[in-house]
């Protein structure tokens, strides 16, 4: 199921870690498997993700997202810097 979801987004990297419904790939992509929602590594540095997801996705669960986002930032060697309010 996880590999199928990654391939549906044309992600060819491996799974690095899983936090709740979020998979972080070895390339720093974040994919919410049940919702088939992806944040690709090229977009992780945008600071609006937390507010966007919290405001527009009823399924959003902040704790697992923040862990996955922080891990993706570590992989990408960028500072985890999200707008929270």
N, C-alpha and C. Protein backbone atom coordinates (compact mmCIF):
# COMPACT_ATOMS: atom_id res chain seq x y z
N UNK A 1 0.83 -1.20 0.00
CA UNK A 1 0.00 0.00 0.00
C UNK A 1 0.87 1.26 0.00
N UNK A 2 1.91 1.29 0.82
CA UNK A 2 2.76 2.47 0.89
C UNK A 2 3.52 2.66 -0.41
N UNK A 3 4.10 1.61 -0.92
CA UNK A 3 4.87 1.71 -2.16
C UNK A 3 3.96 2.13 -3.30
N UNK A 4 2.75 1.58 -3.35
CA UNK A 4 1.79 1.94 -4.39
C UNK A 4 1.46 3.44 -4.31
N UNK A 5 1.27 3.95 -3.11
CA UNK A 5 0.97 5.37 -2.94
C UNK A 5 2.15 6.23 -3.37
N UNK A 6 3.36 5.83 -3.04
CA UNK A 6 4.54 6.58 -3.46
C UNK A 6 4.64 6.61 -4.98
N UNK A 7 4.44 5.47 -5.60
CA UNK A 7 4.55 5.40 -7.07
C UNK A 7 3.44 6.20 -7.75
N UNK A 8 2.26 6.29 -7.12
CA UNK A 8 1.18 7.08 -7.72
C UNK A 8 1.54 8.55 -7.81
N UNK A 9 2.49 8.99 -6.98
CA UNK A 9 2.98 10.37 -7.02
C UNK A 9 4.32 10.46 -7.76
N UNK A 10 4.69 9.36 -8.42
CA UNK A 10 5.94 9.27 -9.15
C UNK A 10 7.15 9.50 -8.26
N UNK A 11 7.03 9.05 -7.01
CA UNK A 11 8.14 9.10 -6.05
C UNK A 11 8.87 7.77 -6.12
N UNK A 12 10.15 7.83 -6.43
CA UNK A 12 10.92 6.60 -6.59
C UNK A 12 11.90 6.36 -5.46
N UNK A 13 11.88 7.20 -4.45
CA UNK A 13 12.79 7.01 -3.32
C UNK A 13 12.17 6.05 -2.31
N UNK A 14 12.97 5.64 -1.35
CA UNK A 14 12.54 4.69 -0.34
C UNK A 14 11.90 5.39 0.85
N UNK A 15 11.24 4.60 1.67
CA UNK A 15 10.65 5.12 2.91
C UNK A 15 11.76 5.31 3.93
N UNK A 16 11.84 6.50 4.50
CA UNK A 16 12.79 6.77 5.58
C UNK A 16 12.13 6.51 6.92
N UNK A 17 10.93 7.05 7.11
CA UNK A 17 10.23 6.91 8.38
C UNK A 17 8.74 7.14 8.19
N UNK A 18 7.99 6.73 9.20
CA UNK A 18 6.54 6.88 9.19
C UNK A 18 6.11 7.49 10.52
N UNK A 19 5.28 8.52 10.43
CA UNK A 19 4.72 9.19 11.61
C UNK A 19 3.21 9.26 11.42
N UNK A 20 2.48 8.43 12.12
CA UNK A 20 1.03 8.38 11.93
C UNK A 20 0.71 8.01 10.49
N UNK A 21 -0.04 8.87 9.81
CA UNK A 21 -0.41 8.63 8.41
C UNK A 21 0.62 9.19 7.42
N UNK A 22 1.64 9.84 7.93
CA UNK A 22 2.64 10.49 7.08
C UNK A 22 3.86 9.61 6.87
N UNK A 23 4.25 9.46 5.61
CA UNK A 23 5.47 8.78 5.24
C UNK A 23 6.47 9.83 4.80
N UNK A 24 7.70 9.71 5.28
CA UNK A 24 8.79 10.58 4.85
C UNK A 24 9.74 9.71 4.03
N UNK A 25 10.06 10.17 2.83
CA UNK A 25 10.95 9.40 1.97
C UNK A 25 12.41 9.81 2.20
N UNK A 26 13.29 9.01 1.66
CA UNK A 26 14.72 9.30 1.78
C UNK A 26 15.11 10.56 1.01
N UNK A 27 14.24 11.05 0.15
CA UNK A 27 14.48 12.32 -0.56
C UNK A 27 13.82 13.51 0.14
N UNK A 28 13.12 13.26 1.25
CA UNK A 28 12.49 14.34 1.99
C UNK A 28 11.07 14.68 1.57
N UNK A 29 10.44 13.82 0.79
CA UNK A 29 9.03 14.02 0.44
C UNK A 29 8.17 13.59 1.62
N UNK A 30 7.01 14.23 1.79
CA UNK A 30 6.03 13.84 2.81
C UNK A 30 4.76 13.42 2.10
N UNK A 31 4.25 12.24 2.43
CA UNK A 31 3.03 11.77 1.79
C UNK A 31 2.10 11.21 2.84
N UNK A 32 0.88 11.73 2.85
CA UNK A 32 -0.16 11.21 3.73
C UNK A 32 -0.82 10.08 2.96
N UNK A 33 -0.57 8.86 3.40
CA UNK A 33 -1.00 7.69 2.65
C UNK A 33 -2.52 7.56 2.53
N UNK A 34 -3.29 7.59 3.63
CA UNK A 34 -4.74 7.40 3.48
C UNK A 34 -5.41 8.49 2.64
N UNK A 35 -4.85 9.70 2.67
CA UNK A 35 -5.46 10.83 1.94
C UNK A 35 -4.82 11.06 0.58
N UNK A 36 -3.76 10.30 0.29
CA UNK A 36 -3.06 10.44 -0.99
C UNK A 36 -2.66 11.89 -1.24
N UNK A 37 -2.12 12.52 -0.19
CA UNK A 37 -1.74 13.94 -0.23
C UNK A 37 -0.22 14.03 -0.10
N UNK A 38 0.40 14.72 -1.03
CA UNK A 38 1.86 14.78 -1.04
C UNK A 38 2.37 16.21 -0.91
N UNK A 39 3.46 16.34 -0.18
CA UNK A 39 4.26 17.56 -0.14
C UNK A 39 5.65 17.13 -0.58
N UNK A 40 6.02 17.55 -1.77
CA UNK A 40 7.28 17.10 -2.33
C UNK A 40 8.45 17.88 -1.74
N UNK A 41 9.61 17.27 -1.77
CA UNK A 41 10.80 17.86 -1.14
C UNK A 41 11.07 19.27 -1.65
N UNK A 42 10.77 19.54 -2.90
CA UNK A 42 11.02 20.89 -3.45
C UNK A 42 10.15 21.96 -2.80
N UNK A 43 9.05 21.52 -2.14
CA UNK A 43 8.11 22.46 -1.53
C UNK A 43 8.15 22.47 0.00
N UNK A 44 8.95 21.62 0.60
CA UNK A 44 8.98 21.51 2.06
C UNK A 44 9.39 22.83 2.70
N UNK A 45 10.23 23.60 2.04
CA UNK A 45 10.73 24.84 2.63
C UNK A 45 9.69 25.95 2.71
N UNK A 46 8.53 25.78 2.12
CA UNK A 46 7.46 26.78 2.24
C UNK A 46 6.93 26.75 3.67
N UNK A 47 6.75 27.91 4.25
CA UNK A 47 6.39 27.98 5.68
C UNK A 47 4.90 27.91 5.95
N UNK A 48 4.09 27.77 4.93
CA UNK A 48 2.63 27.82 5.11
C UNK A 48 1.96 26.47 5.33
N UNK A 49 2.67 25.37 5.29
CA UNK A 49 2.03 24.05 5.30
C UNK A 49 1.15 23.80 6.51
N UNK A 50 1.63 24.13 7.68
CA UNK A 50 0.84 23.87 8.89
C UNK A 50 -0.49 24.63 8.83
N UNK A 51 -0.44 25.92 8.53
CA UNK A 51 -1.67 26.72 8.47
C UNK A 51 -2.59 26.24 7.36
N UNK A 52 -2.02 25.91 6.23
CA UNK A 52 -2.83 25.42 5.10
C UNK A 52 -3.56 24.14 5.47
N UNK A 53 -2.83 23.18 6.00
CA UNK A 53 -3.45 21.89 6.34
C UNK A 53 -4.45 22.04 7.48
N UNK A 54 -4.09 22.80 8.50
CA UNK A 54 -5.00 22.99 9.64
C UNK A 54 -6.29 23.68 9.21
N UNK A 55 -6.19 24.60 8.28
CA UNK A 55 -7.35 25.37 7.87
C UNK A 55 -8.20 24.73 6.79
N UNK A 56 -7.64 23.77 6.04
CA UNK A 56 -8.40 23.27 4.90
C UNK A 56 -8.62 21.76 4.87
N UNK A 57 -7.99 21.04 5.76
CA UNK A 57 -8.11 19.58 5.75
C UNK A 57 -8.65 19.08 7.09
N UNK A 58 -9.88 18.59 7.07
CA UNK A 58 -10.50 18.12 8.31
C UNK A 58 -9.74 16.94 8.92
N UNK A 59 -9.05 16.20 8.10
CA UNK A 59 -8.32 15.02 8.56
C UNK A 59 -6.96 15.36 9.17
N UNK A 60 -6.56 16.61 9.14
CA UNK A 60 -5.23 17.01 9.59
C UNK A 60 -5.01 16.69 11.06
N UNK A 61 -3.92 16.02 11.36
CA UNK A 61 -3.52 15.67 12.72
C UNK A 61 -2.13 16.27 12.93
N UNK A 62 -2.04 17.37 13.70
CA UNK A 62 -0.80 18.14 13.76
C UNK A 62 0.41 17.41 14.35
N UNK A 63 0.24 16.59 15.34
CA UNK A 63 1.39 15.96 15.99
C UNK A 63 2.21 15.11 15.03
N UNK A 64 1.54 14.24 14.30
CA UNK A 64 2.29 13.39 13.37
C UNK A 64 2.84 14.19 12.20
N UNK A 65 2.10 15.19 11.74
CA UNK A 65 2.61 16.02 10.66
C UNK A 65 3.88 16.75 11.09
N UNK A 66 3.88 17.34 12.27
CA UNK A 66 5.05 18.08 12.73
C UNK A 66 6.28 17.19 12.86
N UNK A 67 6.09 15.97 13.31
CA UNK A 67 7.21 15.02 13.39
C UNK A 67 7.73 14.68 11.99
N UNK A 68 6.80 14.42 11.07
CA UNK A 68 7.20 14.09 9.70
C UNK A 68 7.87 15.29 9.03
N UNK A 69 7.31 16.46 9.22
CA UNK A 69 7.89 17.68 8.64
C UNK A 69 9.30 17.92 9.17
N UNK A 70 9.48 17.76 10.46
CA UNK A 70 10.80 17.96 11.07
C UNK A 70 11.80 16.95 10.51
N UNK A 71 11.38 15.71 10.34
CA UNK A 71 12.27 14.69 9.77
C UNK A 71 12.63 15.04 8.33
N UNK A 72 11.65 15.48 7.53
CA UNK A 72 11.92 15.87 6.15
C UNK A 72 12.93 17.02 6.10
N UNK A 73 12.78 17.98 6.98
CA UNK A 73 13.72 19.10 7.03
C UNK A 73 15.13 18.63 7.38
N UNK A 74 15.23 17.67 8.28
CA UNK A 74 16.53 17.11 8.64
C UNK A 74 17.17 16.44 7.42
N UNK A 75 16.39 15.66 6.70
CA UNK A 75 16.89 14.99 5.50
C UNK A 75 17.37 16.01 4.48
N UNK A 76 16.61 17.09 4.33
CA UNK A 76 16.93 18.12 3.34
C UNK A 76 17.95 19.14 3.83
N UNK A 77 18.33 19.01 5.09
CA UNK A 77 19.30 19.93 5.69
C UNK A 77 18.82 21.39 5.63
N UNK A 78 17.54 21.57 5.97
CA UNK A 78 16.97 22.91 6.05
C UNK A 78 16.36 23.10 7.44
N UNK A 79 16.19 24.34 7.82
CA UNK A 79 15.60 24.63 9.12
C UNK A 79 14.08 24.41 9.08
N UNK A 80 13.56 23.73 10.07
CA UNK A 80 12.11 23.55 10.20
C UNK A 80 11.53 24.87 10.69
N UNK A 81 10.83 25.57 9.81
CA UNK A 81 10.36 26.91 10.10
C UNK A 81 8.94 27.09 9.58
N UNK A 82 7.96 26.68 10.35
CA UNK A 82 6.57 26.78 9.93
C UNK A 82 5.87 27.93 10.63
N UNK A 83 4.99 28.59 9.89
CA UNK A 83 4.08 29.54 10.51
C UNK A 83 3.03 28.73 11.25
N UNK A 84 2.84 29.03 12.54
CA UNK A 84 1.90 28.26 13.34
C UNK A 84 0.64 29.05 13.67
N UNK A 85 0.65 30.35 13.47
CA UNK A 85 -0.53 31.17 13.74
C UNK A 85 -0.62 32.28 12.75
